[in-house]
Amino acid sequence: MMSNKVEICGVNTSKLPVLTNEEMMKLFKHIHAGDMEARQTFIQGNLRLVLSVIQRFNNRGENLDDLFQVGCIGLIKAIDNFDTSHNVRFSTYAVPMIIGEIRRYLRDNNPIRVSRSLRDIAYQAMQMREQMTNHNAKEPTVTEIAKALDLPKEDVVFALASIQDPISLFEPIYQDDGDAIFVMDQVKDDTHKDEDWLENIALDEAMKKLNDREKLILTLRFFEGRTQMEVADEIGISQAQVSRLEKAALVHMRKHI
């Protein structure tokens, strides 16, 4: 269970009711007739659905109470827009609505601020992608989306990229026997040139304390800007081994600087 938490927003999640599909269809008849009590019963009977969805976002560091409330907004929107004549289960329709509402909340509260015009283009592009996917049974290209919106392709690409969640440089992308390889290990830097000659002398002296393979790895990584994968290919070992040797060599060098 998420964070071992039973109560969210004052709701005891362990005691939430679950409605069958038949029960939901009967309640919908009353809801469409304006029965608010039936509406409330329907919402209560689908809160577990909201809980199951917000678990997908549990690693974002967001407050669970906030995500739960936003998910409930998506649930209510799904109830208001669900068409019982389409012969589709409510959960099938509601889950994308709940996910969409949570993603919209996360984007709007992203610490990296994106202009309203860019967000609007991005939302239009996502809606158009969903419509075209449903209509054509395949996902459209960015070019097709841009043409449908009558916008330059570059604007659509830029808008969609602007609302992507940022990735930490310390995000692990590979794990081998406890030695993680992070995003920063894959970043190549062709622009940074160290002009401080005193620091170069200290580095040169520390490099002399390393064996030939450690020197080669650090030279390729930090003086030639190679990625760990490129270094691994050149000297004929695995990327995980490069990572281990690199970290050990840096620790050794720090003792002499």
C-alpha atoms as a PDB file:
ATOM      1  CA  MET A   1       0.000   0.000   0.000  1.00  0.00           C
ATOM      2  CA  MET A   2       1.287   3.480  -0.787  1.00  0.00           C
ATOM      3  CA  SER A   3       3.444   4.690   2.085  1.00  0.00           C
ATOM      4  CA  ASN A   4       1.514   2.214   4.302  1.00  0.00           C
ATOM      5  CA  LYS A   5      -1.153   4.887   4.485  1.00  0.00           C
ATOM      6  CA  VAL A   6      -4.723   3.760   5.076  1.00  0.00           C
ATOM      7  CA  GLU A   7      -6.353   7.193   5.356  1.00  0.00           C
ATOM      8  CA  ILE A   8      -6.137   9.677   2.475  1.00  0.00           C
ATOM      9  CA  CYS A   9      -7.984  13.005   2.607  1.00  0.00           C
ATOM     10  CA  GLY A  10      -9.907  11.699   5.616  1.00  0.00           C
ATOM     11  CA  VAL A  11     -11.077   8.638   3.652  1.00  0.00           C
ATOM     12  CA  ASN A  12     -10.441   5.213   5.165  1.00  0.00           C
ATOM     13  CA  THR A  13      -9.266   3.430   2.027  1.00  0.00           C
ATOM     14  CA  SER A  14      -9.512  -0.019   3.602  1.00  0.00           C
ATOM     15  CA  LYS A  15     -13.303   0.354   3.911  1.00  0.00           C
ATOM     16  CA  LEU A  16     -14.122   1.758   0.480  1.00  0.00           C
ATOM     17  CA  PRO A  17     -17.012  -0.036  -1.272  1.00  0.00           C
ATOM     18  CA  VAL A  18     -16.665  -1.606  -4.703  1.00  0.00           C
ATOM     19  CA  LEU A  19     -19.486  -1.505  -7.247  1.00  0.00           C
ATOM     20  CA  THR A  20     -20.127  -4.129  -9.896  1.00  0.00           C
ATOM     21  CA  ASN A  21     -20.656  -3.053 -13.492  1.00  0.00           C
ATOM     22  CA  GLU A  22     -24.353  -3.904 -13.210  1.00  0.00           C
ATOM     23  CA  GLU A  23     -24.707  -1.764 -10.078  1.00  0.00           C
ATOM     24  CA  MET A  24     -23.009   1.154 -11.811  1.00  0.00           C
ATOM     25  CA  MET A  25     -25.319   0.954 -14.826  1.00  0.00           C
ATOM     26  CA  LYS A  26     -28.359   1.043 -12.525  1.00  0.00           C
ATOM     27  CA  LEU A  27     -26.947   4.027 -10.644  1.00  0.00           C
ATOM     28  CA  PHE A  28     -26.314   5.869 -13.908  1.00  0.00           C
ATOM     29  CA  LYS A  29     -30.044   5.817 -14.646  1.00  0.00           C
ATOM     30  CA  HIS A  30     -30.670   7.616 -11.372  1.00  0.00           C
ATOM     31  CA  ILE A  31     -27.726   9.984 -11.880  1.00  0.00           C
ATOM     32  CA  HIS A  32     -29.031  11.047 -15.285  1.00  0.00           C
ATOM     33  CA  ALA A  33     -32.377  11.728 -13.611  1.00  0.00           C
ATOM     34  CA  GLY A  34     -30.668  14.153 -11.214  1.00  0.00           C
ATOM     35  CA  ASP A  35     -30.407  11.873  -8.151  1.00  0.00           C
ATOM     36  CA  MET A  36     -27.523  13.381  -6.140  1.00  0.00           C
ATOM     37  CA  GLU A  37     -27.537  10.542  -3.602  1.00  0.00           C
ATOM     38  CA  ALA A  38     -26.975   8.026  -6.423  1.00  0.00           C
ATOM     39  CA  ARG A  39     -24.180  10.219  -7.750  1.00  0.00           C
ATOM     40  CA  GLN A  40     -22.465  10.254  -4.354  1.00  0.00           C
ATOM     41  CA  THR A  41     -22.837   6.478  -4.035  1.00  0.00           C
ATOM     42  CA  PHE A  42     -21.290   6.074  -7.485  1.00  0.00           C
ATOM     43  CA  ILE A  43     -18.327   8.301  -6.576  1.00  0.00           C
ATOM     44  CA  GLN A  44     -17.714   6.416  -3.316  1.00  0.00           C
ATOM     45  CA  GLY A  45     -17.898   3.116  -5.177  1.00  0.00           C
ATOM     46  CA  ASN A  46     -15.126   4.178  -7.575  1.00  0.00           C
ATOM     47  CA  LEU A  47     -12.625   5.780  -5.212  1.00  0.00           C
ATOM     48  CA  ARG A  48     -10.592   2.566  -5.268  1.00  0.00           C
ATOM     49  CA  LEU A  49     -10.172   3.173  -8.995  1.00  0.00           C
ATOM     50  CA  VAL A  50      -8.655   6.573  -8.197  1.00  0.00           C
ATOM     51  CA  LEU A  51      -6.313   4.949  -5.670  1.00  0.00           C
ATOM     52  CA  SER A  52      -5.119   2.390  -8.203  1.00  0.00           C
ATOM     53  CA  VAL A  53      -4.326   5.177 -10.691  1.00  0.00           C
ATOM     54  CA  ILE A  54      -2.394   7.453  -8.321  1.00  0.00           C
ATOM     55  CA  GLN A  55      -0.093   4.564  -7.409  1.00  0.00           C
ATOM     56  CA  ARG A  56       1.435   5.037 -10.870  1.00  0.00           C
ATOM     57  CA  PHE A  57       2.579   8.496  -9.777  1.00  0.00           C
ATOM     58  CA  ASN A  58       3.796   7.469  -6.331  1.00  0.00           C
ATOM     59  CA  ASN A  59       7.488   8.025  -7.183  1.00  0.00           C
ATOM     60  CA  ARG A  60       7.068  11.703  -8.120  1.00  0.00           C
ATOM     61  CA  GLY A  61       7.445  12.968  -4.565  1.00  0.00           C
ATOM     62  CA  GLU A  62       3.982  14.526  -4.700  1.00  0.00           C
ATOM     63  CA  ASN A  63       1.621  14.647  -1.737  1.00  0.00           C
ATOM     64  CA  LEU A  64      -0.742  11.660  -1.963  1.00  0.00           C
ATOM     65  CA  ASP A  65      -3.675  13.658  -0.611  1.00  0.00           C
ATOM     66  CA  ASP A  66      -3.228  16.201  -3.426  1.00  0.00           C
ATOM     67  CA  LEU A  67      -3.000  13.498  -6.091  1.00  0.00           C
ATOM     68  CA  PHE A  68      -6.065  11.771  -4.672  1.00  0.00           C
ATOM     69  CA  GLN A  69      -8.125  14.973  -4.794  1.00  0.00           C
ATOM     70  CA  VAL A  70      -7.028  15.679  -8.376  1.00  0.00           C
ATOM     71  CA  GLY A  71      -7.816  12.082  -9.308  1.00  0.00           C
ATOM     72  CA  CYS A  72     -11.317  12.519  -7.863  1.00  0.00           C
ATOM     73  CA  ILE A  73     -11.807  15.527 -10.145  1.00  0.00           C
ATOM     74  CA  GLY A  74     -10.948  13.284 -13.086  1.00  0.00           C
ATOM     75  CA  LEU A  75     -13.391  10.679 -11.789  1.00  0.00           C
ATOM     76  CA  ILE A  76     -16.198  13.235 -11.558  1.00  0.00           C
ATOM     77  CA  LYS A  77     -15.470  14.471 -15.096  1.00  0.00           C
ATOM     78  CA  ALA A  78     -15.635  10.871 -16.299  1.00  0.00           C
ATOM     79  CA  ILE A  79     -19.020  10.409 -14.609  1.00  0.00           C
ATOM     80  CA  ASP A  80     -20.353  13.605 -16.190  1.00  0.00           C
ATOM     81  CA  ASN A  81     -19.201  12.636 -19.688  1.00  0.00           C
ATOM     82  CA  PHE A  82     -19.743   8.870 -19.730  1.00  0.00           C
ATOM     83  CA  ASP A  83     -22.185   7.600 -22.351  1.00  0.00           C
ATOM     84  CA  THR A  84     -23.827   4.325 -21.296  1.00  0.00           C
ATOM     85  CA  SER A  85     -24.972   3.627 -24.858  1.00  0.00           C
ATOM     86  CA  HIS A  86     -21.422   2.919 -26.054  1.00  0.00           C
ATOM     87  CA  ASN A  87     -21.304  -0.466 -24.313  1.00  0.00           C
ATOM     88  CA  VAL A  88     -17.928   0.304 -22.672  1.00  0.00           C
ATOM     89  CA  ARG A  89     -17.060  -0.437 -19.063  1.00  0.00           C
ATOM     90  CA  PHE A  90     -16.909   2.699 -16.949  1.00  0.00           C
ATOM     91  CA  SER A  91     -13.398   1.923 -15.666  1.00  0.00           C
ATOM     92  CA  THR A  92     -12.104   1.689 -19.250  1.00  0.00           C
ATOM     93  CA  TYR A  93     -13.383   5.201 -19.897  1.00  0.00           C
ATOM     94  CA  ALA A  94     -12.533   6.689 -16.496  1.00  0.00           C
ATOM     95  CA  VAL A  95      -8.889   5.636 -16.099  1.00  0.00           C
ATOM     96  CA  PRO A  96      -7.563   7.797 -18.993  1.00  0.00           C
ATOM     97  CA  MET A  97      -9.635  10.719 -17.695  1.00  0.00           C
ATOM     98  CA  ILE A  98      -8.155  10.367 -14.199  1.00  0.00           C
ATOM     99  CA  ILE A  99      -4.614   9.980 -15.559  1.00  0.00           C
ATOM    100  CA  GLY A 100      -5.071  13.010 -17.790  1.00  0.00           C
ATOM    101  CA  GLU A 101      -6.253  15.149 -14.888  1.00  0.00           C
ATOM    102  CA  ILE A 102      -3.275  14.123 -12.735  1.00  0.00           C
ATOM    103  CA  ARG A 103      -0.793  14.731 -15.550  1.00  0.00           C
ATOM    104  CA  ARG A 104      -2.307  18.158 -16.170  1.00  0.00           C
ATOM    105  CA  TYR A 105      -1.907  18.959 -12.478  1.00  0.00           C
ATOM    106  CA  LEU A 106       1.727  17.794 -12.470  1.00  0.00           C
ATOM    107  CA  ARG A 107       2.538  19.842 -15.577  1.00  0.00           C
ATOM    108  CA  ASP A 108       0.862  22.982 -14.255  1.00  0.00           C
ATOM    109  CA  ASN A 109       2.773  22.638 -10.987  1.00  0.00           C
ATOM    110  CA  ASN A 110       6.107  21.807 -12.620  1.00  0.00           C
ATOM    111  CA  PRO A 111       8.951  23.859 -11.038  1.00  0.00           C
ATOM    112  CA  ILE A 112      10.147  24.608 -14.580  1.00  0.00           C
ATOM    113  CA  ARG A 113       7.709  27.240 -15.778  1.00  0.00           C
ATOM    114  CA  VAL A 114       6.283  26.856 -19.284  1.00  0.00           C
ATOM    115  CA  SER A 115       4.296  29.633 -20.961  1.00  0.00           C
ATOM    116  CA  ARG A 116       0.526  29.249 -21.209  1.00  0.00           C
ATOM    117  CA  SER A 117       0.645  29.441 -25.031  1.00  0.00           C
ATOM    118  CA  LEU A 118       3.101  26.529 -25.203  1.00  0.00           C
ATOM    119  CA  ARG A 119       1.029  24.449 -22.804  1.00  0.00           C
ATOM    120  CA  ASP A 120      -2.097  25.177 -24.859  1.00  0.00           C
ATOM    121  CA  ILE A 121      -0.404  23.973 -28.048  1.00  0.00           C
ATOM    122  CA  ALA A 122       0.859  20.874 -26.249  1.00  0.00           C
ATOM    123  CA  TYR A 123      -2.612  20.032 -24.898  1.00  0.00           C
ATOM    124  CA  GLN A 124      -4.156  20.570 -28.335  1.00  0.00           C
ATOM    125  CA  ALA A 125      -1.528  18.279 -29.852  1.00  0.00           C
ATOM    126  CA  MET A 126      -2.178  15.557 -27.267  1.00  0.00           C
ATOM    127  CA  GLN A 127      -5.926  15.773 -27.775  1.00  0.00           C
ATOM    128  CA  MET A 128      -5.485  15.616 -31.546  1.00  0.00           C
ATOM    129  CA  ARG A 129      -3.139  12.628 -31.185  1.00  0.00           C
ATOM    130  CA  GLU A 130      -5.749  10.821 -29.095  1.00  0.00           C
ATOM    131  CA  GLN A 131      -8.538  11.618 -31.573  1.00  0.00           C
ATOM    132  CA  MET A 132      -6.488  10.514 -34.592  1.00  0.00           C
ATOM    133  CA  THR A 133      -5.343   7.358 -32.802  1.00  0.00           C
ATOM    134  CA  ASN A 134      -8.937   6.408 -31.994  1.00  0.00           C
ATOM    135  CA  HIS A 135     -10.103   7.191 -35.529  1.00  0.00           C
ATOM    136  CA  ASN A 136      -7.253   5.541 -37.453  1.00  0.00           C
ATOM    137  CA  ALA A 137      -6.337   2.775 -34.972  1.00  0.00           C
ATOM    138  CA  LYS A 138      -2.707   3.916 -35.028  1.00  0.00           C
ATOM    139  CA  GLU A 139      -0.729   6.754 -33.509  1.00  0.00           C
ATOM    140  CA  PRO A 140      -0.154   9.701 -35.881  1.00  0.00           C
ATOM    141  CA  THR A 141       3.221  11.280 -36.590  1.00  0.00           C
ATOM    142  CA  VAL A 142       4.090  14.766 -35.348  1.00  0.00           C
ATOM    143  CA  THR A 143       3.849  15.988 -38.933  1.00  0.00           C
ATOM    144  CA  GLU A 144       0.271  14.674 -39.215  1.00  0.00           C
ATOM    145  CA  ILE A 145      -0.681  16.262 -35.891  1.00  0.00           C
ATOM    146  CA  ALA A 146       0.811  19.614 -36.924  1.00  0.00           C
ATOM    147  CA  LYS A 147      -1.044  19.495 -40.244  1.00  0.00           C
ATOM    148  CA  ALA A 148      -4.357  18.732 -38.486  1.00  0.00           C
ATOM    149  CA  LEU A 149      -3.812  21.687 -36.128  1.00  0.00           C
ATOM    150  CA  ASP A 150      -2.597  23.924 -38.978  1.00  0.00           C
ATOM    151  CA  LEU A 151       0.584  24.685 -37.043  1.00  0.00           C
ATOM    152  CA  PRO A 152       4.281  24.465 -37.980  1.00  0.00           C
ATOM    153  CA  LYS A 153       5.764  21.087 -37.088  1.00  0.00           C
ATOM    154  CA  GLU A 154       8.550  22.780 -35.114  1.00  0.00           C
ATOM    155  CA  ASP A 155       6.005  24.536 -32.861  1.00  0.00           C
ATOM    156  CA  VAL A 156       4.303  21.243 -32.015  1.00  0.00           C
ATOM    157  CA  VAL A 157       7.607  19.476 -31.315  1.00  0.00           C
ATOM    158  CA  PHE A 158       8.813  22.334 -29.106  1.00  0.00           C
ATOM    159  CA  ALA A 159       5.499  22.516 -27.215  1.00  0.00           C
ATOM    160  CA  LEU A 160       5.395  18.767 -26.524  1.00  0.00           C
ATOM    161  CA  ALA A 161       9.031  18.779 -25.405  1.00  0.00           C
ATOM    162  CA  SER A 162       8.428  21.732 -23.072  1.00  0.00           C
ATOM    163  CA  ILE A 163       5.925  19.836 -20.900  1.00  0.00           C
ATOM    164  CA  GLN A 164       8.009  16.695 -20.470  1.00  0.00           C
ATOM    165  CA  ASP A 165       9.012  15.955 -16.904  1.00  0.00           C
ATOM    166  CA  PRO A 166      12.657  16.882 -16.169  1.00  0.00           C
ATOM    167  CA  ILE A 167      15.071  14.010 -15.531  1.00  0.00           C
ATOM    168  CA  SER A 168      17.665  14.171 -12.788  1.00  0.00           C
ATOM    169  CA  LEU A 169      21.310  13.697 -13.782  1.00  0.00           C
ATOM    170  CA  PHE A 170      21.435  11.174 -10.963  1.00  0.00           C
ATOM    171  CA  GLU A 171      18.575   9.086 -12.381  1.00  0.00           C
ATOM    172  CA  PRO A 172      19.866   5.467 -12.569  1.00  0.00           C
ATOM    173  CA  ILE A 173      19.555   3.944 -16.039  1.00  0.00           C
ATOM    174  CA  TYR A 174      21.405   0.681 -15.403  1.00  0.00           C
ATOM    175  CA  GLN A 175      22.136  -1.435 -12.350  1.00  0.00           C
ATOM    176  CA  ASP A 176      24.734  -4.193 -12.160  1.00  0.00           C
ATOM    177  CA  ASP A 177      25.633  -5.863  -8.860  1.00  0.00           C
ATOM    178  CA  GLY A 178      24.918  -2.683  -6.944  1.00  0.00           C
ATOM    179  CA  ASP A 179      26.908  -0.366  -9.256  1.00  0.00           C
ATOM    180  CA  ALA A 180      24.442   2.042 -10.825  1.00  0.00           C
ATOM    181  CA  ILE A 181      25.063   3.939 -14.055  1.00  0.00           C
ATOM    182  CA  PHE A 182      23.429   7.358 -13.979  1.00  0.00           C
ATOM    183  CA  VAL A 183      22.253   9.776 -16.667  1.00  0.00           C
ATOM    184  CA  MET A 184      25.262  11.999 -15.942  1.00  0.00           C
ATOM    185  CA  ASP A 185      27.544   9.088 -16.869  1.00  0.00           C
ATOM    186  CA  GLN A 186      26.129   9.247 -20.424  1.00  0.00           C
ATOM    187  CA  VAL A 187      26.575  12.979 -20.870  1.00  0.00           C
ATOM    188  CA  LYS A 188      29.361  14.142 -23.146  1.00  0.00           C
ATOM    189  CA  ASP A 189      30.884  17.605 -22.648  1.00  0.00           C
ATOM    190  CA  ASP A 190      32.648  19.038 -25.709  1.00  0.00           C
ATOM    191  CA  THR A 191      32.657  22.639 -24.529  1.00  0.00           C
ATOM    192  CA  HIS A 192      34.334  22.672 -21.101  1.00  0.00           C
ATOM    193  CA  LYS A 193      38.075  23.329 -21.304  1.00  0.00           C
ATOM    194  CA  ASP A 194      40.031  23.721 -18.069  1.00  0.00           C
ATOM    195  CA  GLU A 195      42.427  26.665 -18.408  1.00  0.00           C
ATOM    196  CA  ASP A 196      43.601  26.741 -14.793  1.00  0.00           C
ATOM    197  CA  TRP A 197      47.240  25.616 -15.057  1.00  0.00           C
ATOM    198  CA  LEU A 198      47.655  25.092 -11.313  1.00  0.00           C
ATOM    199  CA  GLU A 199      44.742  22.697 -11.302  1.00  0.00           C
ATOM    200  CA  ASN A 200      46.184  20.962 -14.349  1.00  0.00           C
ATOM    201  CA  ILE A 201      49.465  20.411 -12.522  1.00  0.00           C
ATOM    202  CA  ALA A 202      47.631  18.913  -9.518  1.00  0.00           C
ATOM    203  CA  LEU A 203      45.604  16.667 -11.797  1.00  0.00           C
ATOM    204  CA  ASP A 204      48.707  15.594 -13.688  1.00  0.00           C
ATOM    205  CA  GLU A 205      50.454  14.630 -10.465  1.00  0.00           C
ATOM    206  CA  ALA A 206      47.419  12.696  -9.237  1.00  0.00           C
ATOM    207  CA  MET A 207      47.107  10.912 -12.594  1.00  0.00           C
ATOM    208  CA  LYS A 208      50.637   9.570 -12.166  1.00  0.00           C
ATOM    209  CA  LYS A 209      49.418   7.567  -9.178  1.00  0.00           C
ATOM    210  CA  LEU A 210      47.011   5.564 -11.354  1.00  0.00           C
ATOM    211  CA  ASN A 211      47.675   2.446 -13.385  1.00  0.00           C
ATOM    212  CA  ASP A 212      47.628   2.587 -17.194  1.00  0.00           C
ATOM    213  CA  ARG A 213      44.037   1.419 -17.606  1.00  0.00           C
ATOM    214  CA  GLU A 214      42.700   3.894 -15.031  1.00  0.00           C
ATOM    215  CA  LYS A 215      44.644   6.706 -16.743  1.00  0.00           C
ATOM    216  CA  LEU A 216      43.195   5.746 -20.117  1.00  0.00           C
ATOM    217  CA  ILE A 217      39.635   5.637 -18.789  1.00  0.00           C
ATOM    218  CA  LEU A 218      39.863   9.045 -17.087  1.00  0.00           C
ATOM    219  CA  THR A 219      41.614  10.576 -20.103  1.00  0.00           C
ATOM    220  CA  LEU A 220      38.903   9.370 -22.481  1.00  0.00           C
ATOM    221  CA  ARG A 221      36.074  10.311 -20.108  1.00  0.00           C
ATOM    222  CA  PHE A 222      37.129  13.718 -18.807  1.00  0.00           C
ATOM    223  CA  PHE A 223      39.705  15.074 -21.259  1.00  0.00           C
ATOM    224  CA  GLU A 224      38.187  13.801 -24.503  1.00  0.00           C
ATOM    225  CA  GLY A 225      34.562  13.921 -23.344  1.00  0.00           C
ATOM    226  CA  ARG A 226      33.690  10.309 -24.216  1.00  0.00           C
ATOM    227  CA  THR A 227      30.672   8.534 -22.707  1.00  0.00           C
ATOM    228  CA  GLN A 228      31.171   5.385 -20.631  1.00  0.00           C
ATOM    229  CA  MET A 229      29.712   3.298 -23.459  1.00  0.00           C
ATOM    230  CA  GLU A 230      32.230   4.750 -25.915  1.00  0.00           C
ATOM    231  CA  VAL A 231      35.080   4.052 -23.493  1.00  0.00           C
ATOM    232  CA  ALA A 232      33.833   0.496 -22.936  1.00  0.00           C
ATOM    233  CA  ASP A 233      33.773  -0.145 -26.690  1.00  0.00           C
ATOM    234  CA  GLU A 234      37.275   1.239 -27.156  1.00  0.00           C
ATOM    235  CA  ILE A 235      39.048  -0.741 -24.435  1.00  0.00           C
ATOM    236  CA  GLY A 236      36.938  -3.892 -24.699  1.00  0.00           C
ATOM    237  CA  ILE A 237      35.213  -4.141 -21.314  1.00  0.00           C
ATOM    238  CA  SER A 238      31.624  -3.662 -20.134  1.00  0.00           C
ATOM    239  CA  GLN A 239      30.138  -0.275 -19.310  1.00  0.00           C
ATOM    240  CA  ALA A 240      29.567  -1.438 -15.729  1.00  0.00           C
ATOM    241  CA  GLN A 241      33.305  -2.204 -15.420  1.00  0.00           C
ATOM    242  CA  VAL A 242      34.153   1.232 -16.793  1.00  0.00           C
ATOM    243  CA  SER A 243      31.868   2.775 -14.196  1.00  0.00           C
ATOM    244  CA  ARG A 244      33.516   0.835 -11.340  1.00  0.00           C
ATOM    245  CA  LEU A 245      37.078   1.597 -12.497  1.00  0.00           C
ATOM    246  CA  GLU A 246      36.248   5.262 -13.053  1.00  0.00           C
ATOM    247  CA  LYS A 247      34.823   5.701  -9.567  1.00  0.00           C
ATOM    248  CA  ALA A 248      37.739   3.845  -7.944  1.00  0.00           C
ATOM    249  CA  ALA A 249      40.273   5.960  -9.878  1.00  0.00           C
ATOM    250  CA  LEU A 250      38.566   9.205  -8.850  1.00  0.00           C
ATOM    251  CA  VAL A 251      38.603   8.163  -5.194  1.00  0.00           C
ATOM    252  CA  HIS A 252      42.311   7.328  -5.531  1.00  0.00           C
ATOM    253  CA  MET A 253      43.063  10.688  -7.160  1.00  0.00           C
ATOM    254  CA  ARG A 254      41.252  12.660  -4.474  1.00  0.00           C
ATOM    255  CA  LYS A 255      43.702  11.306  -1.912  1.00  0.00           C
ATOM    256  CA  HIS A 256      46.538  13.011  -3.794  1.00  0.00           C
ATOM    257  CA  ILE A 257      44.896  16.361  -4.627  1.00  0.00           C
END
